[in-house]
Amino acid sequence: MGTVSIEDFQKLDIRVAKVVKADQLKGSNKLIQLTLDLGQGQRTVVAGIAETHKAEQLVGKNLVILANLAPRKLMGVTSEGMVLAAEQGGNVYLLTADGNPPAGAKVI
């Protein structure tokens, strides 16, 4: 895998987001629609994690997201970011924040 410059990395806006609401997206076995609190407002993010996570268990969690990803429409819903996760051997591990940082805290 190639390397990136510090300038490229600094373009990423990675933040802590609190899950306010989570629902399985109708018509999809893989997608969950999340309403996230970023401290200065809420946004919708669609994540392909329904095969490994139950929507109702995500509410209240502090997830780490890429907040400045260009919006993209998935199954008719505009997703305004990306939930960050690790994957190995079919297991998906959502990145969460240690402790209880406020919604919107910037990952540095």
N, C-alpha and C. Protein backbone atom coordinates (compact mmCIF):
# COMPACT_ATOMS: atom_id res chain seq x y z
N MET A 1 0.84 -1.17 0.00
CA MET A 1 0.00 0.00 0.00
C MET A 1 0.89 1.24 0.00
N GLY A 2 0.50 2.24 -0.76
CA GLY A 2 1.29 3.46 -0.86
C GLY A 2 1.16 4.35 0.36
N THR A 3 1.96 5.36 0.39
CA THR A 3 1.93 6.31 1.50
C THR A 3 1.20 7.59 1.06
N VAL A 4 0.77 8.37 2.04
CA VAL A 4 0.16 9.66 1.78
C VAL A 4 0.95 10.71 2.54
N SER A 5 0.89 11.92 2.04
CA SER A 5 1.58 13.01 2.72
C SER A 5 0.76 13.48 3.92
N ILE A 6 1.39 14.17 4.84
CA ILE A 6 0.68 14.72 5.99
C ILE A 6 -0.35 15.73 5.52
N GLU A 7 -0.06 16.43 4.43
CA GLU A 7 -1.01 17.40 3.88
C GLU A 7 -2.28 16.71 3.39
N ASP A 8 -2.14 15.55 2.76
CA ASP A 8 -3.31 14.78 2.32
C ASP A 8 -4.10 14.27 3.52
N PHE A 9 -3.41 13.78 4.54
CA PHE A 9 -4.09 13.29 5.74
C PHE A 9 -4.86 14.42 6.42
N GLN A 10 -4.29 15.61 6.46
CA GLN A 10 -4.93 16.75 7.12
C GLN A 10 -6.21 17.19 6.42
N LYS A 11 -6.43 16.75 5.20
CA LYS A 11 -7.67 17.07 4.48
C LYS A 11 -8.86 16.27 5.01
N LEU A 12 -8.58 15.17 5.72
CA LEU A 12 -9.64 14.33 6.25
C LEU A 12 -10.19 14.92 7.55
N ASP A 13 -11.50 15.03 7.63
CA ASP A 13 -12.16 15.51 8.84
C ASP A 13 -12.77 14.30 9.54
N ILE A 14 -12.02 13.75 10.49
CA ILE A 14 -12.44 12.55 11.20
C ILE A 14 -12.95 12.99 12.57
N ARG A 15 -14.19 12.60 12.89
CA ARG A 15 -14.83 13.09 14.11
C ARG A 15 -15.57 11.98 14.85
N VAL A 16 -15.83 12.25 16.12
CA VAL A 16 -16.67 11.38 16.94
C VAL A 16 -18.12 11.78 16.69
N ALA A 17 -18.98 10.81 16.49
CA ALA A 17 -20.40 11.06 16.26
C ALA A 17 -21.22 10.12 17.14
N LYS A 18 -22.21 10.68 17.82
CA LYS A 18 -23.09 9.87 18.68
C LYS A 18 -24.29 9.42 17.86
N VAL A 19 -24.58 8.13 17.90
CA VAL A 19 -25.72 7.58 17.17
C VAL A 19 -27.00 7.96 17.91
N VAL A 20 -27.85 8.74 17.25
CA VAL A 20 -29.12 9.18 17.81
C VAL A 20 -30.23 8.21 17.42
N LYS A 21 -30.16 7.71 16.19
CA LYS A 21 -31.18 6.81 15.66
C LYS A 21 -30.51 5.87 14.67
N ALA A 22 -30.99 4.64 14.59
CA ALA A 22 -30.46 3.65 13.64
C ALA A 22 -31.58 2.75 13.18
N ASP A 23 -31.71 2.60 11.87
CA ASP A 23 -32.75 1.76 11.29
C ASP A 23 -32.19 0.97 10.11
N GLN A 24 -32.61 -0.29 10.03
CA GLN A 24 -32.29 -1.08 8.84
C GLN A 24 -32.95 -0.38 7.65
N LEU A 25 -32.20 -0.18 6.58
CA LEU A 25 -32.75 0.49 5.40
C LEU A 25 -33.68 -0.48 4.67
N LYS A 26 -34.91 -0.06 4.46
CA LYS A 26 -35.89 -0.91 3.80
C LYS A 26 -35.40 -1.30 2.41
N GLY A 27 -35.53 -2.58 2.10
CA GLY A 27 -35.13 -3.08 0.80
C GLY A 27 -33.67 -3.52 0.74
N SER A 28 -32.95 -3.44 1.85
CA SER A 28 -31.54 -3.84 1.87
C SER A 28 -31.25 -4.72 3.07
N ASN A 29 -30.48 -5.77 2.85
CA ASN A 29 -30.03 -6.64 3.94
C ASN A 29 -28.71 -6.17 4.54
N LYS A 30 -28.05 -5.21 3.86
CA LYS A 30 -26.71 -4.80 4.27
C LYS A 30 -26.63 -3.41 4.88
N LEU A 31 -27.60 -2.55 4.60
CA LEU A 31 -27.46 -1.14 4.95
C LEU A 31 -28.27 -0.72 6.17
N ILE A 32 -27.64 0.08 7.01
CA ILE A 32 -28.30 0.71 8.16
C ILE A 32 -28.22 2.22 7.96
N GLN A 33 -29.35 2.88 8.16
CA GLN A 33 -29.40 4.34 8.10
C GLN A 33 -29.22 4.89 9.51
N LEU A 34 -28.19 5.70 9.70
CA LEU A 34 -27.87 6.25 11.01
C LEU A 34 -28.14 7.74 11.03
N THR A 35 -28.72 8.23 12.10
CA THR A 35 -28.80 9.65 12.36
C THR A 35 -27.75 9.92 13.43
N LEU A 36 -26.79 10.77 13.10
CA LEU A 36 -25.64 11.02 13.96
C LEU A 36 -25.62 12.45 14.47
N ASP A 37 -25.26 12.62 15.74
CA ASP A 37 -25.06 13.93 16.33
C ASP A 37 -23.58 14.26 16.23
N LEU A 38 -23.29 15.39 15.57
CA LEU A 38 -21.90 15.83 15.44
C LEU A 38 -21.63 17.07 16.28
N GLY A 39 -22.44 17.30 17.29
CA GLY A 39 -22.22 18.41 18.19
C GLY A 39 -22.81 19.72 17.72
N GLN A 40 -22.74 19.98 16.43
CA GLN A 40 -23.30 21.22 15.87
C GLN A 40 -24.37 20.88 14.85
N GLY A 41 -25.08 19.82 15.09
CA GLY A 41 -26.13 19.40 14.19
C GLY A 41 -26.06 17.92 13.91
N GLN A 42 -27.10 17.44 13.26
CA GLN A 42 -27.19 16.02 12.94
C GLN A 42 -27.01 15.81 11.45
N ARG A 43 -26.64 14.60 11.10
CA ARG A 43 -26.57 14.21 9.70
C ARG A 43 -26.87 12.74 9.56
N THR A 44 -27.18 12.37 8.33
CA THR A 44 -27.51 10.99 8.00
C THR A 44 -26.30 10.32 7.36
N VAL A 45 -26.00 9.12 7.81
CA VAL A 45 -24.95 8.31 7.20
C VAL A 45 -25.53 6.91 6.99
N VAL A 46 -25.32 6.36 5.82
CA VAL A 46 -25.73 4.99 5.51
C VAL A 46 -24.48 4.12 5.57
N ALA A 47 -24.56 3.05 6.35
CA ALA A 47 -23.41 2.17 6.53
C ALA A 47 -23.77 0.73 6.19
N GLY A 48 -22.87 0.04 5.51
CA GLY A 48 -23.08 -1.35 5.11
C GLY A 48 -22.68 -2.31 6.20
N ILE A 49 -23.33 -2.22 7.34
CA ILE A 49 -22.94 -3.01 8.50
C ILE A 49 -24.07 -3.88 9.06
N ALA A 50 -25.18 -3.96 8.36
CA ALA A 50 -26.35 -4.67 8.89
C ALA A 50 -26.14 -6.18 9.02
N GLU A 51 -25.22 -6.73 8.27
CA GLU A 51 -24.99 -8.18 8.37
C GLU A 51 -24.22 -8.55 9.63
N THR A 52 -23.57 -7.56 10.25
CA THR A 52 -22.75 -7.83 11.44
C THR A 52 -23.19 -7.05 12.68
N HIS A 53 -24.09 -6.08 12.51
CA HIS A 53 -24.53 -5.26 13.63
C HIS A 53 -26.04 -5.04 13.58
N LYS A 54 -26.67 -5.03 14.73
CA LYS A 54 -28.11 -4.77 14.82
C LYS A 54 -28.30 -3.27 15.04
N ALA A 55 -29.20 -2.69 14.27
CA ALA A 55 -29.44 -1.25 14.32
C ALA A 55 -29.72 -0.77 15.74
N GLU A 56 -30.61 -1.46 16.45
CA GLU A 56 -31.02 -1.00 17.77
C GLU A 56 -29.87 -1.00 18.78
N GLN A 57 -28.83 -1.79 18.55
CA GLN A 57 -27.70 -1.84 19.48
C GLN A 57 -26.70 -0.71 19.23
N LEU A 58 -26.88 0.04 18.15
CA LEU A 58 -25.96 1.13 17.83
C LEU A 58 -26.34 2.45 18.49
N VAL A 59 -27.61 2.60 18.85
CA VAL A 59 -28.08 3.86 19.43
C VAL A 59 -27.33 4.15 20.73
N GLY A 60 -26.81 5.38 20.82
CA GLY A 60 -26.06 5.81 21.99
C GLY A 60 -24.57 5.62 21.89
N LYS A 61 -24.10 4.85 20.90
CA LYS A 61 -22.66 4.62 20.74
C LYS A 61 -21.97 5.84 20.15
N ASN A 62 -20.71 6.02 20.53
CA ASN A 62 -19.86 7.04 19.92
C ASN A 62 -19.02 6.38 18.85
N LEU A 63 -19.34 6.64 17.59
CA LEU A 63 -18.60 6.07 16.47
C LEU A 63 -17.63 7.10 15.90
N VAL A 64 -16.63 6.61 15.21
CA VAL A 64 -15.69 7.49 14.52
C VAL A 64 -16.09 7.50 13.05
N ILE A 65 -16.24 8.73 12.49
CA ILE A 65 -16.68 8.85 11.11
C ILE A 65 -15.76 9.78 10.32
N LEU A 66 -15.77 9.58 9.02
CA LEU A 66 -15.15 10.53 8.09
C LEU A 66 -16.25 11.51 7.74
N ALA A 67 -16.14 12.74 8.27
CA ALA A 67 -17.23 13.71 8.18
C ALA A 67 -17.24 14.52 6.89
N ASN A 68 -16.13 14.58 6.19
CA ASN A 68 -16.11 15.43 4.99
C ASN A 68 -16.06 14.63 3.69
N LEU A 69 -16.58 13.41 3.72
CA LEU A 69 -16.72 12.63 2.49
C LEU A 69 -17.85 13.23 1.67
N ALA A 70 -17.67 13.33 0.38
CA ALA A 70 -18.70 13.90 -0.49
C ALA A 70 -19.99 13.08 -0.33
N PRO A 71 -21.15 13.74 -0.24
CA PRO A 71 -22.42 13.02 -0.11
C PRO A 71 -22.65 12.08 -1.28
N ARG A 72 -23.32 10.96 -0.98
CA ARG A 72 -23.62 9.96 -2.00
C ARG A 72 -24.97 9.34 -1.70
N LYS A 73 -25.75 9.14 -2.73
CA LYS A 73 -27.08 8.56 -2.57
C LYS A 73 -26.98 7.03 -2.62
N LEU A 74 -27.53 6.38 -1.58
CA LEU A 74 -27.56 4.93 -1.50
C LEU A 74 -29.01 4.51 -1.27
N MET A 75 -29.56 3.78 -2.21
CA MET A 75 -30.95 3.32 -2.14
C MET A 75 -31.91 4.46 -1.82
N GLY A 76 -31.67 5.61 -2.43
CA GLY A 76 -32.56 6.74 -2.28
C GLY A 76 -32.30 7.63 -1.08
N VAL A 77 -31.32 7.27 -0.25
CA VAL A 77 -30.99 8.07 0.94
C VAL A 77 -29.61 8.70 0.74
N THR A 78 -29.51 9.99 1.00
CA THR A 78 -28.22 10.66 0.87
C THR A 78 -27.39 10.42 2.12
N SER A 79 -26.22 9.81 1.94
CA SER A 79 -25.29 9.54 3.03
C SER A 79 -24.27 10.67 3.07
N GLU A 80 -24.09 11.26 4.25
CA GLU A 80 -23.23 12.44 4.41
C GLU A 80 -21.99 12.14 5.25
N GLY A 81 -21.34 11.03 4.97
CA GLY A 81 -20.14 10.66 5.70
C GLY A 81 -19.94 9.16 5.61
N MET A 82 -18.94 8.67 6.36
CA MET A 82 -18.64 7.24 6.36
C MET A 82 -18.24 6.80 7.76
N VAL A 83 -18.89 5.75 8.23
CA VAL A 83 -18.52 5.14 9.50
C VAL A 83 -17.21 4.39 9.28
N LEU A 84 -16.26 4.57 10.17
CA LEU A 84 -14.98 3.88 10.04
C LEU A 84 -15.02 2.57 10.82
N ALA A 85 -14.48 1.53 10.22
CA ALA A 85 -14.49 0.20 10.82
C ALA A 85 -13.27 -0.57 10.35
N ALA A 86 -12.96 -1.62 11.08
CA ALA A 86 -11.91 -2.55 10.68
C ALA A 86 -12.59 -3.87 10.34
N GLU A 87 -11.98 -4.63 9.42
CA GLU A 87 -12.56 -5.92 9.01
C GLU A 87 -11.46 -6.95 8.91
N GLN A 88 -11.76 -8.12 9.43
CA GLN A 88 -10.85 -9.25 9.26
C GLN A 88 -11.65 -10.53 9.38
N GLY A 89 -11.47 -11.39 8.42
CA GLY A 89 -12.11 -12.69 8.45
C GLY A 89 -13.63 -12.63 8.52
N GLY A 90 -14.20 -11.61 7.89
CA GLY A 90 -15.65 -11.47 7.89
C GLY A 90 -16.22 -10.76 9.11
N ASN A 91 -15.36 -10.49 10.08
CA ASN A 91 -15.80 -9.73 11.27
C ASN A 91 -15.59 -8.25 11.02
N VAL A 92 -16.57 -7.44 11.42
CA VAL A 92 -16.50 -5.99 11.26
C VAL A 92 -16.48 -5.36 12.64
N TYR A 93 -15.46 -4.55 12.89
CA TYR A 93 -15.27 -3.90 14.19
C TYR A 93 -15.41 -2.39 13.99
N LEU A 94 -16.47 -1.81 14.54
CA LEU A 94 -16.68 -0.38 14.41
C LEU A 94 -15.66 0.36 15.27
N LEU A 95 -15.10 1.43 14.70
CA LEU A 95 -14.17 2.25 15.48
C LEU A 95 -14.98 3.14 16.39
N THR A 96 -14.65 3.10 17.67
CA THR A 96 -15.33 3.90 18.68
C THR A 96 -14.29 4.74 19.41
N ALA A 97 -14.77 5.70 20.18
CA ALA A 97 -13.88 6.58 20.92
C ALA A 97 -13.77 6.11 22.37
N ASP A 98 -12.56 6.11 22.88
CA ASP A 98 -12.31 5.75 24.27
C ASP A 98 -12.87 6.83 25.19
N GLY A 99 -13.40 6.44 26.33
CA GLY A 99 -13.97 7.41 27.26
C GLY A 99 -15.31 7.89 26.73
N ASN A 100 -15.63 9.14 26.98
CA ASN A 100 -16.90 9.70 26.53
C ASN A 100 -16.69 11.09 25.94
N PRO A 101 -15.99 11.17 24.80
CA PRO A 101 -15.75 12.49 24.21
C PRO A 101 -17.06 13.08 23.71
N PRO A 102 -17.13 14.41 23.65
CA PRO A 102 -18.37 15.03 23.14
C PRO A 102 -18.56 14.76 21.66
N ALA A 103 -19.82 14.72 21.25
CA ALA A 103 -20.13 14.57 19.82
C ALA A 103 -19.46 15.70 19.06
N GLY A 104 -18.83 15.35 17.96
CA GLY A 104 -18.16 16.34 17.13
C GLY A 104 -16.69 16.50 17.43
N ALA A 105 -16.19 15.84 18.49
CA ALA A 105 -14.76 15.95 18.81
C ALA A 105 -13.94 15.50 17.61
N LYS A 106 -12.92 16.28 17.27
CA LYS A 106 -12.08 15.99 16.11
C LYS A 106 -11.01 14.95 16.49
N VAL A 107 -10.83 13.97 15.64
CA VAL A 107 -9.78 12.98 15.80
C VAL A 107 -8.49 13.63 15.31
N ILE A 108 -7.46 13.59 16.17
CA ILE A 108 -6.19 14.25 15.81
C ILE A 108 -5.08 13.23 15.71
